[in-house]
Protein backbone atom coordinates (compact mmCIF):
# COMPACT_ATOMS: atom_id res chain seq x y z
CA MET A 1 155.92 166.14 166.09
CA LEU A 2 152.74 167.77 165.06
CA GLY A 3 150.55 169.16 167.64
CA LYS A 4 146.88 168.52 167.86
CA MET A 5 146.12 171.64 165.95
CA GLY A 6 148.61 170.67 163.27
CA ILE A 7 147.07 167.26 162.80
CA LEU A 8 143.62 168.75 162.51
CA GLN A 9 144.88 171.22 159.95
CA TRP A 10 146.50 168.39 157.94
CA LEU A 11 143.34 166.34 157.97
CA SER A 12 141.34 169.34 156.80
CA ASN A 13 143.69 169.84 153.86
CA CYS A 14 143.59 166.12 152.76
CA THR A 15 140.92 164.91 150.34
CA PRO A 16 139.01 161.73 151.29
CA PRO A 17 139.40 158.78 148.90
CA TRP A 18 135.79 158.88 147.72
CA ARG A 19 136.13 162.55 146.92
CA MET A 20 139.37 161.87 145.07
CA GLY A 21 137.50 159.34 142.86
CA ASN A 22 134.89 161.93 142.01
CA GLN A 23 137.59 164.40 141.13
CA ILE A 24 139.35 161.89 138.85
CA GLN A 25 136.08 161.04 137.04
CA GLN A 26 135.45 164.72 136.48
CA SER A 27 138.94 165.34 135.07
CA PRO A 28 139.51 165.67 131.26
CA PHE A 29 142.14 162.93 131.35
CA TYR A 30 139.62 160.40 132.69
CA SER A 31 137.12 161.29 129.94
CA LEU A 32 139.77 160.63 127.33
CA ILE A 33 140.50 157.23 128.84
CA ARG A 34 136.80 156.26 128.80
CA ILE A 35 136.40 157.32 125.16
CA ALA A 36 139.53 155.43 124.12
CA GLY A 37 138.34 152.28 125.91
CA ARG A 38 134.98 152.38 124.20
CA ASN A 39 136.65 152.77 120.78
CA ILE A 40 138.91 149.80 121.48
CA LEU A 41 135.90 147.61 122.43
CA ALA A 42 133.99 148.64 119.29
CA ALA A 43 136.98 147.90 117.08
CA ALA A 44 137.46 144.49 118.69
CA PHE A 45 133.79 143.60 118.15
CA ALA A 46 133.91 144.66 114.50
CA LEU A 47 137.07 142.65 113.97
CA SER A 48 135.47 139.53 115.46
CA VAL A 49 132.46 139.90 113.14
CA ILE A 50 134.74 140.20 110.11
CA VAL A 51 136.76 137.15 111.12
CA THR A 52 133.63 135.04 111.71
CA ALA A 53 132.11 135.99 108.35
CA GLY A 54 135.36 135.24 106.56
CA ALA A 55 135.58 131.80 108.16
CA ALA A 56 131.99 130.95 107.18
CA ARG A 57 132.63 132.07 103.60
CA HIS A 58 135.76 129.94 103.47
CA ASP A 59 133.78 126.88 104.70
CA ARG A 60 131.11 127.38 102.03
CA GLN A 61 133.74 127.65 99.31
CA ALA A 62 135.41 124.49 100.56
CA ASN A 63 132.12 122.61 100.55
CA ASP A 64 131.35 123.84 97.05
CA GLN A 65 134.71 122.61 95.84
CA GLN A 66 134.28 119.22 97.50
CA SER A 67 130.65 118.65 96.40
CA PRO A 68 130.00 120.05 92.93
CA PRO A 69 126.29 120.49 92.10
CA VAL A 70 124.61 117.49 90.50
CA ARG A 71 122.71 118.34 87.36
CA LYS A 72 119.67 116.22 86.57
CA SER A 73 119.52 114.81 83.10
CA ARG A 74 116.60 116.14 81.11
CA GLN A 75 117.05 113.79 78.21
CA PRO A 76 113.73 112.08 77.43
CA ALA A 77 113.50 108.30 77.44
CA ARG A 78 114.10 106.86 74.00
CA THR A 79 110.93 105.78 72.22
CA LEU A 80 110.69 102.06 71.56
CA SER A 81 111.10 101.06 67.96
CA ALA A 82 108.47 99.18 65.96
CA SER A 83 110.53 96.00 66.20
CA GLU A 84 110.73 96.31 69.99
CA ILE A 85 106.97 96.80 70.24
CA SER A 86 106.46 93.73 68.07
CA GLU A 87 108.85 91.82 70.33
CA ALA A 88 106.84 92.84 73.42
CA ARG A 89 103.61 91.71 71.75
CA GLU A 90 105.14 88.36 70.83
CA LEU A 91 106.54 87.86 74.33
CA LEU A 92 103.12 88.56 75.87
CA ASN A 93 101.54 86.08 73.48
CA GLN A 94 104.12 83.40 74.32
CA LEU A 95 103.59 83.94 78.06
CA GLY A 96 99.85 83.36 77.65
CA TYR A 97 98.49 86.89 77.77
CA TRP A 98 95.54 87.58 75.46
CA VAL A 99 96.90 89.92 72.79
CA ASP A 100 96.29 90.37 69.08
CA PRO A 101 99.59 89.24 67.46
CA ASP A 102 98.66 90.84 64.13
CA ALA A 103 97.97 94.32 65.51
CA LYS A 104 100.20 97.19 64.44
CA ARG A 105 102.26 99.11 67.04
CA ASN A 106 100.39 100.06 70.24
CA GLY A 107 96.76 99.05 70.51
CA ALA A 108 94.03 98.12 72.96
CA SER A 109 95.00 94.46 73.14
CA LEU A 110 98.65 95.30 73.84
CA ARG A 111 97.73 97.74 76.58
CA HIS A 112 95.34 95.33 78.31
CA ALA A 113 97.75 92.41 77.97
CA LEU A 114 100.49 94.54 79.51
CA ILE A 115 98.19 95.50 82.41
CA ALA A 116 97.45 91.81 83.03
CA PHE A 117 101.20 91.13 83.02
CA GLN A 118 101.84 93.98 85.46
CA LYS A 119 99.10 92.70 87.78
CA ILE A 120 100.51 89.18 87.91
CA GLU A 121 104.11 90.36 88.28
CA GLY A 122 103.23 92.90 90.99
CA ARG A 123 104.37 95.87 88.92
CA ASN A 124 102.80 99.31 88.60
CA ARG A 125 99.59 98.95 86.59
CA THR A 126 100.22 101.58 83.93
CA GLY A 127 99.57 99.72 80.68
CA VAL A 128 102.45 101.71 79.18
CA LEU A 129 105.18 99.82 77.35
CA THR A 130 108.58 101.15 78.41
CA ARG A 131 112.09 99.80 78.18
CA GLU A 132 111.82 98.58 81.78
CA GLU A 133 108.62 96.68 80.98
CA LEU A 134 110.25 95.14 77.90
CA GLU A 135 113.18 93.94 80.01
CA ALA A 136 110.74 92.49 82.56
CA LEU A 137 108.93 90.65 79.77
CA ARG A 138 112.20 89.17 78.53
CA ALA A 139 112.91 87.75 82.00
CA ALA A 140 109.35 86.64 82.88
CA GLN A 141 108.02 83.10 83.11
CA GLU A 142 104.59 81.80 82.13
CA PRO A 143 102.02 82.12 84.94
CA GLN A 144 100.45 78.97 86.36
CA SER A 145 96.71 78.38 86.58
CA LEU A 146 95.06 76.79 89.59
CA GLU A 147 93.90 73.69 87.70
CA THR A 148 94.85 72.11 84.36
CA GLY A 149 93.83 69.26 82.12
CA TYR A 150 90.32 70.36 81.11
CA PRO A 151 88.68 73.48 79.57
CA HIS A 152 87.62 75.96 82.24
CA ILE A 153 87.85 79.56 83.41
CA GLU A 154 89.59 80.87 86.51
CA VAL A 155 89.08 84.33 87.99
CA ASP A 156 91.66 85.65 90.46
CA LEU A 157 89.97 88.48 92.35
CA HIS A 158 93.09 89.32 94.34
CA ARG A 159 95.21 90.03 91.27
CA GLN A 160 92.22 91.06 89.12
CA VAL A 161 92.95 88.70 86.22
CA LEU A 162 91.07 85.96 84.35
CA PHE A 163 92.58 82.69 83.04
CA VAL A 164 91.08 80.82 80.11
CA VAL A 165 92.61 77.35 80.51
CA ASP A 166 92.90 74.66 77.81
CA VAL A 167 90.29 76.22 75.54
CA ALA A 168 90.33 76.43 71.71
CA GLY A 169 93.74 74.82 71.44
CA ALA A 170 95.46 77.37 73.70
CA PRO A 171 96.82 76.16 77.06
CA LEU A 172 96.46 79.59 78.63
CA ARG A 173 95.01 83.00 77.81
CA ILE A 174 95.00 85.77 80.42
CA LEU A 175 92.88 88.91 80.55
CA PRO A 176 92.71 91.79 83.03
CA ILE A 177 89.37 92.19 84.81
CA SER A 178 87.48 94.53 87.11
CA SER A 179 85.20 92.85 89.65
CA GLY A 180 82.84 93.99 92.43
CA SER A 181 83.96 97.22 94.09
CA GLY A 182 82.70 96.30 97.57
CA GLU A 183 80.68 99.50 97.77
CA PHE A 184 76.95 99.63 98.55
CA PHE A 185 74.40 100.51 95.89
CA THR A 186 70.62 100.62 95.58
CA GLU A 187 68.72 98.98 92.74
CA GLY A 188 64.99 98.21 92.60
CA GLY A 189 64.49 99.59 96.10
CA GLU A 190 67.04 97.18 97.58
CA THR A 191 70.45 98.17 98.90
CA ARG A 192 73.25 95.63 98.70
CA GLN A 193 77.00 95.42 98.43
CA ALA A 194 78.85 95.14 95.13
CA VAL A 195 80.56 91.78 95.72
CA THR A 196 81.64 89.17 93.20
CA PRO A 197 80.79 85.69 94.56
CA THR A 198 83.61 83.18 94.98
CA GLY A 199 83.44 79.43 94.41
CA ARG A 200 83.00 76.91 91.60
CA PHE A 201 80.24 77.67 89.09
CA LYS A 202 79.13 76.87 85.54
CA ILE A 203 78.06 79.10 82.70
CA TYR A 204 74.32 78.63 82.31
CA ARG A 205 73.26 81.46 79.97
CA LYS A 206 74.81 83.55 77.18
CA ILE A 207 73.64 86.52 75.13
CA ASP A 208 75.08 87.75 71.85
CA GLY A 209 75.76 91.44 71.52
CA TRP A 210 74.55 94.07 73.94
CA ARG A 211 72.13 93.52 76.80
CA LYS A 212 70.63 96.46 78.67
CA SER A 213 70.24 95.80 82.39
CA PRO A 214 69.02 98.01 85.27
CA LEU A 215 72.66 98.57 86.26
CA GLY A 216 74.04 99.25 82.80
CA SER A 217 74.78 97.67 79.44
CA LEU A 218 76.61 94.34 79.13
CA TYR A 219 78.52 93.31 76.01
CA TYR A 220 78.28 89.58 75.19
CA PRO A 221 77.47 88.54 78.79
CA ASN A 222 78.12 85.00 80.07
CA TYR A 223 76.07 84.34 83.23
CA PHE A 224 77.40 81.96 85.88
CA TYR A 225 75.62 82.99 89.10
CA TYR A 226 72.11 84.55 88.99
CA GLY A 227 72.60 87.99 87.39
CA VAL A 228 76.40 87.94 87.71
CA ALA A 229 78.18 87.56 84.38
CA ILE A 230 81.51 87.82 82.65
CA HIS A 231 81.02 90.49 79.99
CA GLY A 232 82.75 93.12 77.91
CA ASN A 233 82.80 96.71 79.08
CA PRO A 234 84.47 99.86 77.68
CA SER A 235 85.74 100.63 81.20
CA VAL A 236 88.03 98.00 82.74
CA PRO A 237 90.09 99.85 85.36
CA SER A 238 92.95 98.13 87.13
CA ARG A 239 90.96 98.02 90.39
CA PRO A 240 87.57 96.50 91.36
CA ALA A 241 84.84 98.86 90.13
CA SER A 242 81.76 96.86 89.06
CA HIS A 243 78.44 96.05 90.77
CA GLY A 244 79.54 92.41 91.03
CA CYS A 245 79.99 91.29 87.43
CA ILE A 246 83.40 90.51 85.97
CA ARG A 247 84.36 93.04 83.33
CA ILE A 248 86.73 92.11 80.52
CA PRO A 249 88.13 94.29 77.69
CA MET A 250 85.90 94.90 74.70
CA PHE A 251 88.37 93.58 72.11
CA ALA A 252 88.18 90.05 73.62
CA ALA A 253 84.50 89.93 74.69
CA ARG A 254 83.02 88.48 71.52
CA GLU A 255 85.62 85.73 71.09
CA PHE A 256 85.38 84.91 74.79
CA ASN A 257 81.63 84.48 74.39
CA GLU A 258 82.25 82.05 71.54
CA ILE A 259 84.70 79.81 73.43
CA ALA A 260 82.97 79.94 76.84
CA THR A 261 80.39 77.24 76.24
CA ILE A 262 77.29 76.46 78.30
CA GLY A 263 78.27 74.25 81.22
CA MET A 264 81.92 75.37 81.27
CA VAL A 265 83.35 75.51 84.80
CA VAL A 266 84.13 78.94 86.25
CA ILE A 267 86.33 79.04 89.39
CA VAL A 268 86.32 82.38 91.21
CA TYR A 269 88.76 82.77 94.08
CA ASP A 270 90.48 85.39 96.17
CA SER A 271 92.90 84.79 99.04
CA ASP A 272 92.44 81.02 99.48
CA PRO A 273 91.36 79.60 96.10
CA LEU A 274 91.30 75.92 97.07
CA ALA A 275 89.17 76.44 100.16
CA GLU A 276 86.74 78.75 98.38
CA ALA A 277 86.31 76.44 95.38
CA ASP A 278 85.83 73.35 97.57
CA ALA A 279 83.31 75.13 99.81
CA ALA A 280 81.22 76.22 96.84
CA GLU A 281 81.30 72.72 95.33
CA THR A 282 79.89 71.16 98.53
CA GLU A 283 76.95 73.62 98.76
């Protein structure tokens, strides 16, 4: 057995565990292990990046193979032939739209008649004859007026069209119009709203040719309510834009003035035509 002095001597020669750790960390062998471990971690990280990128590239290639790019066709729409334009003009005429049947190719009457057709059918108001519009004309039916059986004029403010009913031997002739814009304007020191009156009226005054008014020039005006008239105008947009008058295309204004006789009934309506016409008749 060791004596007390021997035990003390043995303890003095032994290295404590925490000192042994410090000695190991300071040894060259431990430094080599740390360097090798770091290199292994770096290599593993680089390998994972390469694998991830390769998988993503593979997915993109698979998607490209499954969904080939769609190329948009840049071929322009085929221009309608002269016979097709003539067919469209004849169809418009048969349906009751006011168009010059003897006009050549595209013209003002064809454009305005097509706009009237597009308004009634709820189509885009372009006035451009395309293959789609021609197909729509082929499938369309004749519009119906509010009343029949006597010569009169109907103005639909909602759809912005005018019906000439049972006049000059034609059961129906339809024109596009532009009525009161609803905006406020000032004239003669008085500010009022640009509204086209609704109800049942009669033409009481007509003027041949141009008439210059404080609000602009009127071509062959037909007055039915104070200073409100149906007249030709070079500008007939597809929306309400006037001070209250009813604008019609220039090409039809003179003939309209000839067939719209003094005393002819004019029915102007919007959302509820029967109620508006009856209310005006009882006033």
